[in-house]
C-alpha atoms as a PDB file:
ATOM      1  CA  MET A   1       0.000   0.000   0.000  1.00  0.00           C
ATOM      2  CA  GLN A   2       1.211   3.507  -0.833  1.00  0.00           C
ATOM      3  CA  ILE A   3       1.584   6.102   1.904  1.00  0.00           C
ATOM      4  CA  GLY A   4      -0.516   8.462  -0.202  1.00  0.00           C
ATOM      5  CA  MET A   5      -3.535   6.346   0.673  1.00  0.00           C
ATOM      6  CA  LEU A   6      -3.304   7.373   4.320  1.00  0.00           C
ATOM      7  CA  SER A   7      -5.070  10.259   5.963  1.00  0.00           C
ATOM      8  CA  ALA A   8      -3.489  13.183   7.741  1.00  0.00           C
ATOM      9  CA  TYR A   9      -3.384  11.018  10.861  1.00  0.00           C
ATOM     10  CA  LEU A  10      -0.837   8.665   9.398  1.00  0.00           C
ATOM     11  CA  ALA A  11       0.754  11.333   7.237  1.00  0.00           C
ATOM     12  CA  GLY A  12       1.604  13.187  10.419  1.00  0.00           C
ATOM     13  CA  MET A  13       3.289  10.053  11.725  1.00  0.00           C
ATOM     14  CA  ASP A  14       5.265   9.654   8.485  1.00  0.00           C
ATOM     15  CA  GLU A  15       6.354  13.298   8.396  1.00  0.00           C
ATOM     16  CA  ALA A  16       7.877  12.823  11.831  1.00  0.00           C
ATOM     17  CA  LEU A  17      10.101   9.956  10.695  1.00  0.00           C
ATOM     18  CA  PRO A  18      13.226  12.069   9.987  1.00  0.00           C
ATOM     19  CA  ARG A  19      13.133  13.178  13.634  1.00  0.00           C
ATOM     20  CA  PRO A  20      14.476  10.309  15.766  1.00  0.00           C
ATOM     21  CA  PRO A  21      11.788   8.778  17.960  1.00  0.00           C
ATOM     22  CA  ALA A  22      12.278   8.316  21.655  1.00  0.00           C
ATOM     23  CA  ALA A  23      14.883   5.997  23.110  1.00  0.00           C
ATOM     24  CA  ILE A  24      14.396   3.867  26.211  1.00  0.00           C
ATOM     25  CA  GLU A  25      16.877   4.007  29.078  1.00  0.00           C
ATOM     26  CA  LEU A  26      16.844   1.624  32.023  1.00  0.00           C
ATOM     27  CA  VAL A  27      18.733   2.671  35.137  1.00  0.00           C
ATOM     28  CA  ALA A  28      19.420   0.033  37.823  1.00  0.00           C
ATOM     29  CA  LEU A  29      16.036  -1.478  36.966  1.00  0.00           C
ATOM     30  CA  THR A  30      15.070  -4.204  39.422  1.00  0.00           C
ATOM     31  CA  LYS A  31      12.133  -6.535  39.944  1.00  0.00           C
ATOM     32  CA  ARG A  32      11.876  -8.560  43.140  1.00  0.00           C
ATOM     33  CA  TYR A  33       9.147 -11.000  44.043  1.00  0.00           C
ATOM     34  CA  ALA A  34       8.251 -12.275  47.493  1.00  0.00           C
ATOM     35  CA  SER A  35      10.810 -15.042  47.454  1.00  0.00           C
ATOM     36  CA  GLY A  36      13.895 -16.066  45.524  1.00  0.00           C
ATOM     37  CA  ALA A  37      16.520 -14.120  43.590  1.00  0.00           C
ATOM     38  CA  PRO A  38      15.515 -10.925  41.755  1.00  0.00           C
ATOM     39  CA  ALA A  39      13.803 -11.603  38.441  1.00  0.00           C
ATOM     40  CA  VAL A  40      15.601  -8.537  37.080  1.00  0.00           C
ATOM     41  CA  ASP A  41      18.717  -7.494  38.949  1.00  0.00           C
ATOM     42  CA  ALA A  42      19.679  -3.796  38.689  1.00  0.00           C
ATOM     43  CA  ILE A  43      20.168  -3.711  34.921  1.00  0.00           C
ATOM     44  CA  ASP A  44      21.379  -0.661  33.013  1.00  0.00           C
ATOM     45  CA  LEU A  45      20.529  -0.391  29.322  1.00  0.00           C
ATOM     46  CA  ARG A  46      20.113   2.305  26.698  1.00  0.00           C
ATOM     47  CA  ILE A  47      18.194   1.427  23.542  1.00  0.00           C
ATOM     48  CA  ALA A  48      18.977   3.766  20.661  1.00  0.00           C
ATOM     49  CA  ALA A  49      16.183   5.759  19.091  1.00  0.00           C
ATOM     50  CA  GLY A  50      14.690   4.197  15.978  1.00  0.00           C
ATOM     51  CA  SER A  51      16.450   0.888  16.519  1.00  0.00           C
ATOM     52  CA  TYR A  52      15.249  -2.706  16.599  1.00  0.00           C
ATOM     53  CA  CYS A  53      16.338  -4.207  19.918  1.00  0.00           C
ATOM     54  CA  CYS A  54      15.922  -7.868  20.857  1.00  0.00           C
ATOM     55  CA  LEU A  55      16.006  -9.052  24.469  1.00  0.00           C
ATOM     56  CA  LEU A  56      17.280 -12.610  24.224  1.00  0.00           C
ATOM     57  CA  GLY A  57      17.790 -15.393  26.704  1.00  0.00           C
ATOM     58  CA  PRO A  58      16.471 -18.679  28.104  1.00  0.00           C
ATOM     59  CA  SER A  59      13.203 -19.016  29.996  1.00  0.00           C
ATOM     60  CA  GLY A  60      13.376 -17.307  33.369  1.00  0.00           C
ATOM     61  CA  CYS A  61      16.214 -14.944  32.449  1.00  0.00           C
ATOM     62  CA  GLY A  62      14.138 -11.786  33.073  1.00  0.00           C
ATOM     63  CA  LYS A  63      13.563 -10.624  29.503  1.00  0.00           C
ATOM     64  CA  SER A  64       9.744 -10.719  29.578  1.00  0.00           C
ATOM     65  CA  THR A  65       9.654  -9.160  33.042  1.00  0.00           C
ATOM     66  CA  THR A  66      11.837  -6.324  31.733  1.00  0.00           C
ATOM     67  CA  LEU A  67       9.464  -5.793  28.807  1.00  0.00           C
ATOM     68  CA  ARG A  68       6.412  -5.773  31.082  1.00  0.00           C
ATOM     69  CA  MET A  69       8.046  -3.190  33.352  1.00  0.00           C
ATOM     70  CA  ILE A  70       8.700  -0.947  30.360  1.00  0.00           C
ATOM     71  CA  ALA A  71       5.064  -1.402  29.308  1.00  0.00           C
ATOM     72  CA  GLY A  72       3.724  -0.659  32.789  1.00  0.00           C
ATOM     73  CA  HIS A  73       2.226  -4.123  33.245  1.00  0.00           C
ATOM     74  CA  GLU A  74       4.701  -4.898  36.049  1.00  0.00           C
ATOM     75  CA  ILE A  75       5.699  -2.470  38.796  1.00  0.00           C
ATOM     76  CA  ALA A  76       9.443  -1.984  39.151  1.00  0.00           C
ATOM     77  CA  SER A  77      10.818  -2.737  42.620  1.00  0.00           C
ATOM     78  CA  ASP A  78      13.650  -0.275  42.142  1.00  0.00           C
ATOM     79  CA  GLY A  79      15.383   1.774  39.454  1.00  0.00           C
ATOM     80  CA  ASP A  80      14.045   3.954  36.675  1.00  0.00           C
ATOM     81  CA  ILE A  81      12.638   3.725  33.156  1.00  0.00           C
ATOM     82  CA  LEU A  82      13.117   6.764  30.942  1.00  0.00           C
ATOM     83  CA  LEU A  83      11.415   7.372  27.603  1.00  0.00           C
ATOM     84  CA  ASP A  84      12.796  10.284  25.614  1.00  0.00           C
ATOM     85  CA  GLY A  85      14.344  11.579  28.834  1.00  0.00           C
ATOM     86  CA  ARG A  86      11.009  11.467  30.684  1.00  0.00           C
ATOM     87  CA  ASN A  87      10.752   9.233  33.741  1.00  0.00           C
ATOM     88  CA  ILE A  88       7.822   6.872  33.137  1.00  0.00           C
ATOM     89  CA  THR A  89       8.589   4.364  35.901  1.00  0.00           C
ATOM     90  CA  VAL A  90       5.357   4.874  37.845  1.00  0.00           C
ATOM     91  CA  LEU A  91       3.067   6.083  35.050  1.00  0.00           C
ATOM     92  CA  PRO A  92       0.028   3.997  34.052  1.00  0.00           C
ATOM     93  CA  ALA A  93       0.522   1.923  30.911  1.00  0.00           C
ATOM     94  CA  ALA A  94      -1.813   4.140  28.850  1.00  0.00           C
ATOM     95  CA  GLU A  95       0.239   7.266  29.628  1.00  0.00           C
ATOM     96  CA  ARG A  96       3.710   5.954  28.801  1.00  0.00           C
ATOM     97  CA  GLY A  97       3.866   6.339  25.026  1.00  0.00           C
ATOM     98  CA  THR A  98       4.412   2.619  24.526  1.00  0.00           C
ATOM     99  CA  ALA A  99       2.226  -0.103  23.016  1.00  0.00           C
ATOM    100  CA  MET A 100       2.415  -3.855  23.541  1.00  0.00           C
ATOM    101  CA  MET A 101       1.983  -6.564  20.924  1.00  0.00           C
ATOM    102  CA  PHE A 102       1.335  -9.804  22.797  1.00  0.00           C
ATOM    103  CA  GLN A 103       2.473 -13.334  22.017  1.00  0.00           C
ATOM    104  CA  SER A 104      -1.125 -14.534  21.674  1.00  0.00           C
ATOM    105  CA  PHE A 105      -2.103 -11.362  19.728  1.00  0.00           C
ATOM    106  CA  ALA A 106      -4.973 -11.010  22.307  1.00  0.00           C
ATOM    107  CA  LEU A 107      -7.587 -10.088  19.704  1.00  0.00           C
ATOM    108  CA  PHE A 108     -11.232  -9.960  20.787  1.00  0.00           C
ATOM    109  CA  PRO A 109     -12.807 -13.023  19.122  1.00  0.00           C
ATOM    110  CA  HIS A 110     -16.271 -11.432  18.838  1.00  0.00           C
ATOM    111  CA  LEU A 111     -15.031  -8.259  17.121  1.00  0.00           C
ATOM    112  CA  THR A 112     -14.057  -7.752  13.495  1.00  0.00           C
ATOM    113  CA  ALA A 113     -10.529  -6.786  12.540  1.00  0.00           C
ATOM    114  CA  LEU A 114     -11.692  -3.192  12.136  1.00  0.00           C
ATOM    115  CA  ASP A 115     -13.339  -3.092  15.556  1.00  0.00           C
ATOM    116  CA  ASN A 116     -10.311  -4.722  17.193  1.00  0.00           C
ATOM    117  CA  VAL A 117      -8.085  -1.954  15.851  1.00  0.00           C
ATOM    118  CA  ALA A 118     -10.599   0.746  16.779  1.00  0.00           C
ATOM    119  CA  PHE A 119     -11.142  -0.537  20.315  1.00  0.00           C
ATOM    120  CA  SER A 120      -8.356   1.403  22.043  1.00  0.00           C
ATOM    121  CA  LEU A 121      -9.454   4.585  20.273  1.00  0.00           C
ATOM    122  CA  ARG A 122     -12.987   3.991  21.505  1.00  0.00           C
ATOM    123  CA  MET A 123     -11.676   3.671  25.063  1.00  0.00           C
ATOM    124  CA  ARG A 124      -9.953   7.031  24.632  1.00  0.00           C
ATOM    125  CA  GLY A 125     -13.188   8.707  23.611  1.00  0.00           C
ATOM    126  CA  VAL A 126     -12.451   9.112  19.908  1.00  0.00           C
ATOM    127  CA  GLY A 127     -15.676   9.554  17.938  1.00  0.00           C
ATOM    128  CA  LYS A 128     -17.041   6.685  15.875  1.00  0.00           C
ATOM    129  CA  ASP A 129     -16.400   8.186  12.441  1.00  0.00           C
ATOM    130  CA  GLU A 130     -12.839   9.195  13.272  1.00  0.00           C
ATOM    131  CA  ARG A 131     -11.881   5.928  14.944  1.00  0.00           C
ATOM    132  CA  THR A 132     -13.362   3.928  12.062  1.00  0.00           C
ATOM    133  CA  MET A 133     -11.349   6.002   9.592  1.00  0.00           C
ATOM    134  CA  ARG A 134      -8.136   5.599  11.587  1.00  0.00           C
ATOM    135  CA  ALA A 135      -8.647   1.870  12.053  1.00  0.00           C
ATOM    136  CA  GLN A 136      -9.318   1.314   8.349  1.00  0.00           C
ATOM    137  CA  GLU A 137      -6.226   3.275   7.366  1.00  0.00           C
ATOM    138  CA  LEU A 138      -4.047   1.291   9.767  1.00  0.00           C
ATOM    139  CA  LEU A 139      -5.417  -1.963   8.361  1.00  0.00           C
ATOM    140  CA  GLU A 140      -4.582  -0.692   4.882  1.00  0.00           C
ATOM    141  CA  ARG A 141      -1.073   0.031   6.048  1.00  0.00           C
ATOM    142  CA  VAL A 142      -0.522  -3.586   7.059  1.00  0.00           C
ATOM    143  CA  ALA A 143      -2.235  -4.935   3.916  1.00  0.00           C
ATOM    144  CA  MET A 144      -5.376  -6.009   5.776  1.00  0.00           C
ATOM    145  CA  GLY A 145      -7.848  -3.450   4.451  1.00  0.00           C
ATOM    146  CA  PRO A 146      -9.905  -5.910   2.358  1.00  0.00           C
ATOM    147  CA  LEU A 147     -10.330  -8.192   5.394  1.00  0.00           C
ATOM    148  CA  ALA A 148     -11.529  -5.518   7.813  1.00  0.00           C
ATOM    149  CA  ASP A 149     -14.904  -7.207   8.365  1.00  0.00           C
ATOM    150  CA  ARG A 150     -13.492 -10.613   9.260  1.00  0.00           C
ATOM    151  CA  LYS A 151     -13.280 -11.903  12.824  1.00  0.00           C
ATOM    152  CA  PRO A 152     -10.046 -13.419  14.185  1.00  0.00           C
ATOM    153  CA  SER A 153     -11.276 -16.993  13.674  1.00  0.00           C
ATOM    154  CA  GLU A 154     -11.568 -16.220   9.959  1.00  0.00           C
ATOM    155  CA  LEU A 155      -7.961 -15.037   9.697  1.00  0.00           C
ATOM    156  CA  SER A 156      -4.672 -16.927   9.443  1.00  0.00           C
ATOM    157  CA  GLY A 157      -1.976 -16.553  12.076  1.00  0.00           C
ATOM    158  CA  GLY A 158      -0.063 -14.073   9.937  1.00  0.00           C
ATOM    159  CA  GLN A 159      -3.205 -12.045   9.264  1.00  0.00           C
ATOM    160  CA  GLN A 160      -4.033 -11.952  12.970  1.00  0.00           C
ATOM    161  CA  GLN A 161      -0.539 -10.659  13.642  1.00  0.00           C
ATOM    162  CA  ARG A 162      -1.053  -7.831  11.161  1.00  0.00           C
ATOM    163  CA  VAL A 163      -4.285  -6.870  12.906  1.00  0.00           C
ATOM    164  CA  ALA A 164      -2.491  -6.933  16.271  1.00  0.00           C
ATOM    165  CA  LEU A 165       0.210  -4.671  14.875  1.00  0.00           C
ATOM    166  CA  ALA A 166      -2.357  -2.228  13.468  1.00  0.00           C
ATOM    167  CA  ARG A 167      -4.106  -2.142  16.847  1.00  0.00           C
ATOM    168  CA  ALA A 168      -0.806  -1.439  18.626  1.00  0.00           C
ATOM    169  CA  LEU A 169      -0.122   1.463  16.260  1.00  0.00           C
ATOM    170  CA  ALA A 170      -3.554   3.006  16.790  1.00  0.00           C
ATOM    171  CA  THR A 171      -2.383   5.015  19.798  1.00  0.00           C
ATOM    172  CA  GLN A 172       0.655   6.393  17.930  1.00  0.00           C
ATOM    173  CA  PRO A 173       3.224   4.948  20.361  1.00  0.00           C
ATOM    174  CA  LYS A 174       6.827   6.083  20.509  1.00  0.00           C
ATOM    175  CA  VAL A 175       8.015   2.572  21.344  1.00  0.00           C
ATOM    176  CA  LEU A 176       6.464  -0.731  20.237  1.00  0.00           C
ATOM    177  CA  LEU A 177       6.976  -3.668  22.609  1.00  0.00           C
ATOM    178  CA  LEU A 178       6.718  -7.194  21.187  1.00  0.00           C
ATOM    179  CA  ASP A 179       6.450 -10.194  23.514  1.00  0.00           C
ATOM    180  CA  GLU A 180       7.551 -13.266  21.501  1.00  0.00           C
ATOM    181  CA  PRO A 181       5.201 -12.283  18.642  1.00  0.00           C
ATOM    182  CA  LEU A 182       6.354 -15.054  16.287  1.00  0.00           C
ATOM    183  CA  SER A 183       6.349 -18.054  18.618  1.00  0.00           C
ATOM    184  CA  ALA A 184       2.772 -19.092  17.755  1.00  0.00           C
ATOM    185  CA  LEU A 185       3.453 -19.213  14.007  1.00  0.00           C
ATOM    186  CA  ASP A 186       4.609 -22.172  11.930  1.00  0.00           C
ATOM    187  CA  PRO A 187       8.299 -22.129  10.856  1.00  0.00           C
ATOM    188  CA  PHE A 188       7.646 -20.968   7.264  1.00  0.00           C
ATOM    189  CA  LEU A 189       5.347 -18.139   8.323  1.00  0.00           C
ATOM    190  CA  ARG A 190       7.741 -17.191  11.114  1.00  0.00           C
ATOM    191  CA  VAL A 191      10.485 -16.457   8.575  1.00  0.00           C
ATOM    192  CA  GLN A 192       8.077 -14.504   6.394  1.00  0.00           C
ATOM    193  CA  MET A 193       6.813 -12.418   9.309  1.00  0.00           C
ATOM    194  CA  ARG A 194      10.367 -11.641  10.443  1.00  0.00           C
ATOM    195  CA  ALA A 195      10.917  -9.837   7.167  1.00  0.00           C
ATOM    196  CA  GLU A 196       7.641  -7.970   7.532  1.00  0.00           C
ATOM    197  CA  LEU A 197       8.379  -6.882  11.094  1.00  0.00           C
ATOM    198  CA  ARG A 198      11.745  -5.542  10.040  1.00  0.00           C
ATOM    199  CA  ARG A 199      10.183  -3.673   7.104  1.00  0.00           C
ATOM    200  CA  TRP A 200       7.468  -2.178   9.294  1.00  0.00           C
ATOM    201  CA  GLN A 201      10.023  -1.019  11.839  1.00  0.00           C
ATOM    202  CA  LYS A 202      12.069   0.723   9.156  1.00  0.00           C
ATOM    203  CA  ASP A 203       9.004   2.261   7.500  1.00  0.00           C
ATOM    204  CA  LEU A 204       7.585   3.570  10.778  1.00  0.00           C
ATOM    205  CA  GLY A 205      10.905   4.692  12.217  1.00  0.00           C
ATOM    206  CA  LEU A 206       9.811   3.582  15.678  1.00  0.00           C
ATOM    207  CA  THR A 207      11.872   1.954  18.401  1.00  0.00           C
ATOM    208  CA  PHE A 208      10.973  -1.757  18.554  1.00  0.00           C
ATOM    209  CA  ILE A 209      11.814  -3.845  21.641  1.00  0.00           C
ATOM    210  CA  HIS A 210      11.270  -7.527  20.902  1.00  0.00           C
ATOM    211  CA  VAL A 211      11.536 -10.372  23.420  1.00  0.00           C
ATOM    212  CA  THR A 212      12.552 -13.780  22.059  1.00  0.00           C
ATOM    213  CA  HIS A 213      14.287 -16.973  23.113  1.00  0.00           C
ATOM    214  CA  SER A 214      15.339 -17.680  19.497  1.00  0.00           C
ATOM    215  CA  GLN A 215      18.930 -16.823  18.617  1.00  0.00           C
ATOM    216  CA  GLU A 216      18.127 -17.054  14.901  1.00  0.00           C
ATOM    217  CA  GLU A 217      15.202 -14.665  15.249  1.00  0.00           C
ATOM    218  CA  ALA A 218      17.223 -12.117  17.191  1.00  0.00           C
ATOM    219  CA  MET A 219      20.123 -12.194  14.730  1.00  0.00           C
ATOM    220  CA  ALA A 220      17.737 -11.753  11.788  1.00  0.00           C
ATOM    221  CA  LEU A 221      15.876  -8.795  13.274  1.00  0.00           C
ATOM    222  CA  ALA A 222      18.005  -6.850  15.711  1.00  0.00           C
ATOM    223  CA  ASP A 223      20.216  -3.819  15.378  1.00  0.00           C
ATOM    224  CA  THR A 224      21.046  -4.464  19.019  1.00  0.00           C
ATOM    225  CA  MET A 225      20.946  -7.771  20.886  1.00  0.00           C
ATOM    226  CA  VAL A 226      20.712  -7.862  24.677  1.00  0.00           C
ATOM    227  CA  VAL A 227      21.603 -11.330  26.009  1.00  0.00           C
ATOM    228  CA  MET A 228      20.198 -11.920  29.495  1.00  0.00           C
ATOM    229  CA  ASN A 229      20.845 -14.622  32.086  1.00  0.00           C
ATOM    230  CA  LYS A 230      19.489 -14.985  35.628  1.00  0.00           C
ATOM    231  CA  GLY A 231      18.108 -11.453  35.710  1.00  0.00           C
ATOM    232  CA  ARG A 232      21.269  -9.765  34.474  1.00  0.00           C
ATOM    233  CA  ILE A 233      22.641  -8.583  31.150  1.00  0.00           C
ATOM    234  CA  GLU A 234      25.519 -10.733  29.911  1.00  0.00           C
ATOM    235  CA  GLN A 235      26.270  -8.804  26.710  1.00  0.00           C
ATOM    236  CA  VAL A 236      24.903  -5.993  24.523  1.00  0.00           C
ATOM    237  CA  GLY A 237      25.927  -5.489  20.914  1.00  0.00           C
ATOM    238  CA  ALA A 238      25.147  -5.875  17.247  1.00  0.00           C
ATOM    239  CA  PRO A 239      24.296  -9.473  16.239  1.00  0.00           C
ATOM    240  CA  ARG A 240      27.550  -9.934  14.343  1.00  0.00           C
ATOM    241  CA  GLU A 241      29.555  -8.688  17.324  1.00  0.00           C
ATOM    242  CA  VAL A 242      27.766 -10.900  19.849  1.00  0.00           C
ATOM    243  CA  TYR A 243      28.021 -13.988  17.667  1.00  0.00           C
ATOM    244  CA  ASN A 244      31.653 -13.560  16.676  1.00  0.00           C
ATOM    245  CA  ALA A 245      32.932 -12.184  19.979  1.00  0.00           C
ATOM    246  CA  PRO A 246      30.870 -13.605  22.855  1.00  0.00           C
ATOM    247  CA  ALA A 247      31.841 -11.921  26.093  1.00  0.00           C
ATOM    248  CA  THR A 248      31.205 -14.841  28.441  1.00  0.00           C
ATOM    249  CA  GLU A 249      30.984 -18.600  28.455  1.00  0.00           C
ATOM    250  CA  PHE A 250      27.202 -18.346  28.854  1.00  0.00           C
ATOM    251  CA  VAL A 251      26.852 -16.189  25.717  1.00  0.00           C
ATOM    252  CA  ALA A 252      29.136 -18.482  23.702  1.00  0.00           C
ATOM    253  CA  ARG A 253      27.138 -21.562  24.653  1.00  0.00           C
ATOM    254  CA  PHE A 254      23.704 -19.930  24.405  1.00  0.00           C
ATOM    255  CA  MET A 255      24.296 -18.380  20.985  1.00  0.00           C
ATOM    256  CA  GLY A 256      25.321 -21.764  19.606  1.00  0.00           C
ATOM    257  CA  GLY A 257      27.867 -22.424  16.892  1.00  0.00           C
ATOM    258  CA  HIS A 258      30.754 -22.176  19.367  1.00  0.00           C
ATOM    259  CA  ASN A 259      32.927 -24.548  21.325  1.00  0.00           C
ATOM    260  CA  VAL A 260      34.169 -23.463  24.725  1.00  0.00           C
ATOM    261  CA  ILE A 261      37.675 -24.861  25.058  1.00  0.00           C
ATOM    262  CA  ALA A 262      39.985 -24.718  28.070  1.00  0.00           C
ATOM    263  CA  THR A 263      43.545 -23.685  27.199  1.00  0.00           C
ATOM    264  CA  ALA A 264      46.621 -22.900  29.276  1.00  0.00           C
ATOM    265  CA  SER A 265      45.750 -19.188  29.180  1.00  0.00           C
ATOM    266  CA  GLY A 266      42.054 -19.596  29.993  1.00  0.00           C
ATOM    267  CA  LYS A 267      38.791 -20.446  28.269  1.00  0.00           C
ATOM    268  CA  VAL A 268      38.301 -19.532  24.616  1.00  0.00           C
ATOM    269  CA  ALA A 269      35.383 -19.742  22.213  1.00  0.00           C
ATOM    270  CA  VAL A 270      36.064 -21.251  18.790  1.00  0.00           C
ATOM    271  CA  ARG A 271      33.332 -21.362  16.171  1.00  0.00           C
ATOM    272  CA  THR A 272      32.368 -24.843  14.971  1.00  0.00           C
ATOM    273  CA  ASP A 273      33.044 -23.866  11.352  1.00  0.00           C
ATOM    274  CA  GLN A 274      36.548 -22.674  12.265  1.00  0.00           C
ATOM    275  CA  LEU A 275      37.601 -25.801  14.138  1.00  0.00           C
ATOM    276  CA  GLN A 276      39.956 -27.833  11.961  1.00  0.00           C
ATOM    277  CA  VAL A 277      39.825 -31.637  12.077  1.00  0.00           C
ATOM    278  CA  SER A 278      42.663 -33.895  10.982  1.00  0.00           C
ATOM    279  CA  PRO A 279      43.479 -37.595  11.406  1.00  0.00           C
ATOM    280  CA  ALA A 280      45.306 -38.457  14.606  1.00  0.00           C
ATOM    281  CA  ALA A 281      48.510 -39.189  12.676  1.00  0.00           C
ATOM    282  CA  SER A 282      48.491 -35.724  11.111  1.00  0.00           C
ATOM    283  CA  VAL A 283      49.113 -32.820  13.489  1.00  0.00           C
ATOM    284  CA  PRO A 284      49.114 -29.259  12.024  1.00  0.00           C
ATOM    285  CA  GLU A 285      52.309 -27.499  13.060  1.00  0.00           C
ATOM    286  CA  GLY A 286      52.287 -24.295  15.052  1.00  0.00           C
ATOM    287  CA  LEU A 287      48.594 -24.364  15.906  1.00  0.00           C
ATOM    288  CA  PRO A 288      46.933 -24.836  19.292  1.00  0.00           C
ATOM    289  CA  GLY A 289      44.941 -28.025  19.486  1.00  0.00           C
ATOM    290  CA  LEU A 290      43.791 -31.111  21.354  1.00  0.00           C
ATOM    291  CA  SER A 291      42.996 -34.723  20.688  1.00  0.00           C
ATOM    292  CA  ALA A 292      39.451 -36.055  20.382  1.00  0.00           C
ATOM    293  CA  THR A 293      37.303 -39.001  19.361  1.00  0.00           C
ATOM    294  CA  VAL A 294      34.428 -38.828  16.858  1.00  0.00           C
ATOM    295  CA  THR A 295      31.147 -39.585  18.638  1.00  0.00           C
ATOM    296  CA  ASP A 296      28.594 -38.495  16.031  1.00  0.00           C
ATOM    297  CA  VAL A 297      28.425 -37.810  12.272  1.00  0.00           C
ATOM    298  CA  GLU A 298      25.443 -35.859  10.921  1.00  0.00           C
ATOM    299  CA  TYR A 299      25.020 -35.088   7.232  1.00  0.00           C
ATOM    300  CA  GLN A 300      23.367 -31.669   6.872  1.00  0.00           C
ATOM    301  CA  GLY A 301      23.479 -31.151   3.104  1.00  0.00           C
ATOM    302  CA  THR A 302      26.075 -28.453   2.528  1.00  0.00           C
ATOM    303  CA  TYR A 303      28.086 -29.540   5.547  1.00  0.00           C
ATOM    304  CA  VAL A 304      28.705 -32.462   7.889  1.00  0.00           C
ATOM    305  CA  LEU A 305      28.484 -31.881  11.629  1.00  0.00           C
ATOM    306  CA  LEU A 306      30.889 -33.939  13.711  1.00  0.00           C
ATOM    307  CA  GLY A 307      30.261 -34.578  17.389  1.00  0.00           C
ATOM    308  CA  LEU A 308      33.524 -35.070  19.254  1.00  0.00           C
ATOM    309  CA  GLN A 309      34.691 -35.967  22.735  1.00  0.00           C
ATOM    310  CA  ALA A 310      37.850 -34.110  23.662  1.00  0.00           C
ATOM    311  CA  GLY A 311      39.726 -35.293  26.721  1.00  0.00           C
ATOM    312  CA  ASP A 312      42.797 -33.591  28.099  1.00  0.00           C
ATOM    313  CA  ALA A 313      44.207 -32.016  31.235  1.00  0.00           C
ATOM    314  CA  GLY A 314      42.164 -28.879  30.562  1.00  0.00           C
ATOM    315  CA  GLY A 315      38.951 -30.759  31.163  1.00  0.00           C
ATOM    316  CA  ASN A 316      37.400 -30.317  27.718  1.00  0.00           C
ATOM    317  CA  GLY A 317      34.389 -32.476  26.938  1.00  0.00           C
ATOM    318  CA  ALA A 318      31.888 -32.489  24.098  1.00  0.00           C
ATOM    319  CA  VAL A 319      32.736 -30.249  21.153  1.00  0.00           C
ATOM    320  CA  SER A 320      31.553 -30.088  17.556  1.00  0.00           C
ATOM    321  CA  ALA A 321      33.011 -29.241  14.161  1.00  0.00           C
ATOM    322  CA  MET A 322      31.258 -28.204  10.974  1.00  0.00           C
ATOM    323  CA  LEU A 323      33.028 -29.531   7.859  1.00  0.00           C
ATOM    324  CA  PRO A 324      32.074 -28.488   4.304  1.00  0.00           C
ATOM    325  CA  GLU A 325      30.569 -31.421   2.414  1.00  0.00           C
ATOM    326  CA  ALA A 326      33.384 -31.464  -0.170  1.00  0.00           C
ATOM    327  CA  LEU A 327      36.071 -31.482   2.548  1.00  0.00           C
ATOM    328  CA  PHE A 328      34.384 -34.362   4.352  1.00  0.00           C
ATOM    329  CA  ALA A 329      34.128 -36.290   1.069  1.00  0.00           C
ATOM    330  CA  ARG A 330      37.918 -36.012   0.637  1.00  0.00           C
ATOM    331  CA  GLN A 331      38.614 -36.989   4.240  1.00  0.00           C
ATOM    332  CA  PRO A 332      35.653 -38.834   5.776  1.00  0.00           C
ATOM    333  CA  TYR A 333      35.425 -39.684   9.464  1.00  0.00           C
ATOM    334  CA  ALA A 334      33.495 -42.439  11.235  1.00  0.00           C
ATOM    335  CA  LEU A 335      32.362 -43.101  14.790  1.00  0.00           C
ATOM    336  CA  GLY A 336      35.285 -43.932  17.047  1.00  0.00           C
ATOM    337  CA  ASP A 337      37.948 -42.315  14.846  1.00  0.00           C
ATOM    338  CA  ALA A 338      40.778 -40.619  16.738  1.00  0.00           C
ATOM    339  CA  VAL A 339      41.380 -37.098  15.447  1.00  0.00           C
ATOM    340  CA  ASN A 340      43.246 -33.921  16.213  1.00  0.00           C
ATOM    341  CA  LEU A 341      41.420 -30.603  16.578  1.00  0.00           C
ATOM    342  CA  SER A 342      43.171 -27.306  15.897  1.00  0.00           C
ATOM    343  CA  TRP A 343      42.400 -23.663  15.268  1.00  0.00           C
ATOM    344  CA  SER A 344      44.168 -20.485  14.254  1.00  0.00           C
ATOM    345  CA  PRO A 345      44.976 -18.220  17.219  1.00  0.00           C
ATOM    346  CA  GLY A 346      43.067 -15.374  15.599  1.00  0.00           C
ATOM    347  CA  GLN A 347      39.920 -17.511  15.514  1.00  0.00           C
ATOM    348  CA  ALA A 348      39.880 -18.118  19.274  1.00  0.00           C
ATOM    349  CA  HIS A 349      38.024 -15.499  21.291  1.00  0.00           C
ATOM    350  CA  MET A 350      39.043 -15.218  24.943  1.00  0.00           C
ATOM    351  CA  LEU A 351      36.118 -15.370  27.354  1.00  0.00           C
ATOM    352  CA  ALA A 352      35.738 -13.420  30.568  1.00  0.00           C
ATOM    353  CA  ALA A 353      36.543 -15.392  33.681  1.00  0.00           C
END
């Protein structure tokens, strides 16, 4: 849909795009419950204006609690939340300038797509004609205009997500919060909707904060990844930086694609595709390495994934190596084979103690 199809309501939003939207800043933000360790433990974070930020981590790491505190659906125990320099920590959700897009989409089953989008405007006292016009234009923006009269049960998962997005945009938020919005979709649609979310974020120029437990999803979407563990932030950076230079052992293991190897100078992370494998009788000269035994061989099409058990004084255990299919064809390995593993010093990233 062309922007020219929108009314002055959306045109005003588009004209504001060159001016950076608000950024979120968290200062010593903490959430404590009645018992146990803090769910979120005094985190500091600044999310750049107009960026796509993904909060990433395993279940229970504090990412969803952080998102709900930003939204105003959880009360912070301590610390501050700033939006565009304004402290919103204790403001009601409706007064913060944020909007939430839920994992379940949370559409009213008895309302049409149009009425779902118009609902929040109705609650704010916007007149019927104006809210209908705004809702229709927002549905047009997400390519759902022709389906405005359908109820959620008559829409696919991807179509329901578009309606949920249009509803979130109805209040003209400065920051859009997304709580695992793709987890309910099938794998094919999930990939398709990733591209659409990224396009919408760029077109709108808003700050998106997206919670996910999927490393692949975060790397595909984010300008900034925030990896969380046990209520704290382990690392913040661009996806390429976090993947290639994990700061801690947790990040290296959680992001996948890395081996954590104990060396004389400390623990290092070596990517599986940069770990060299050679027969036990052939030891590359001048390279750090260790001996191992092949425990698994998985053909993956363009590459073969070797599972290996490395045993040495450093205490290394299970590691893996990704070999290009052509390389494996020239030098195949089988279960039980003794091999040597090596890597170039420049490909080993030292991890924090």
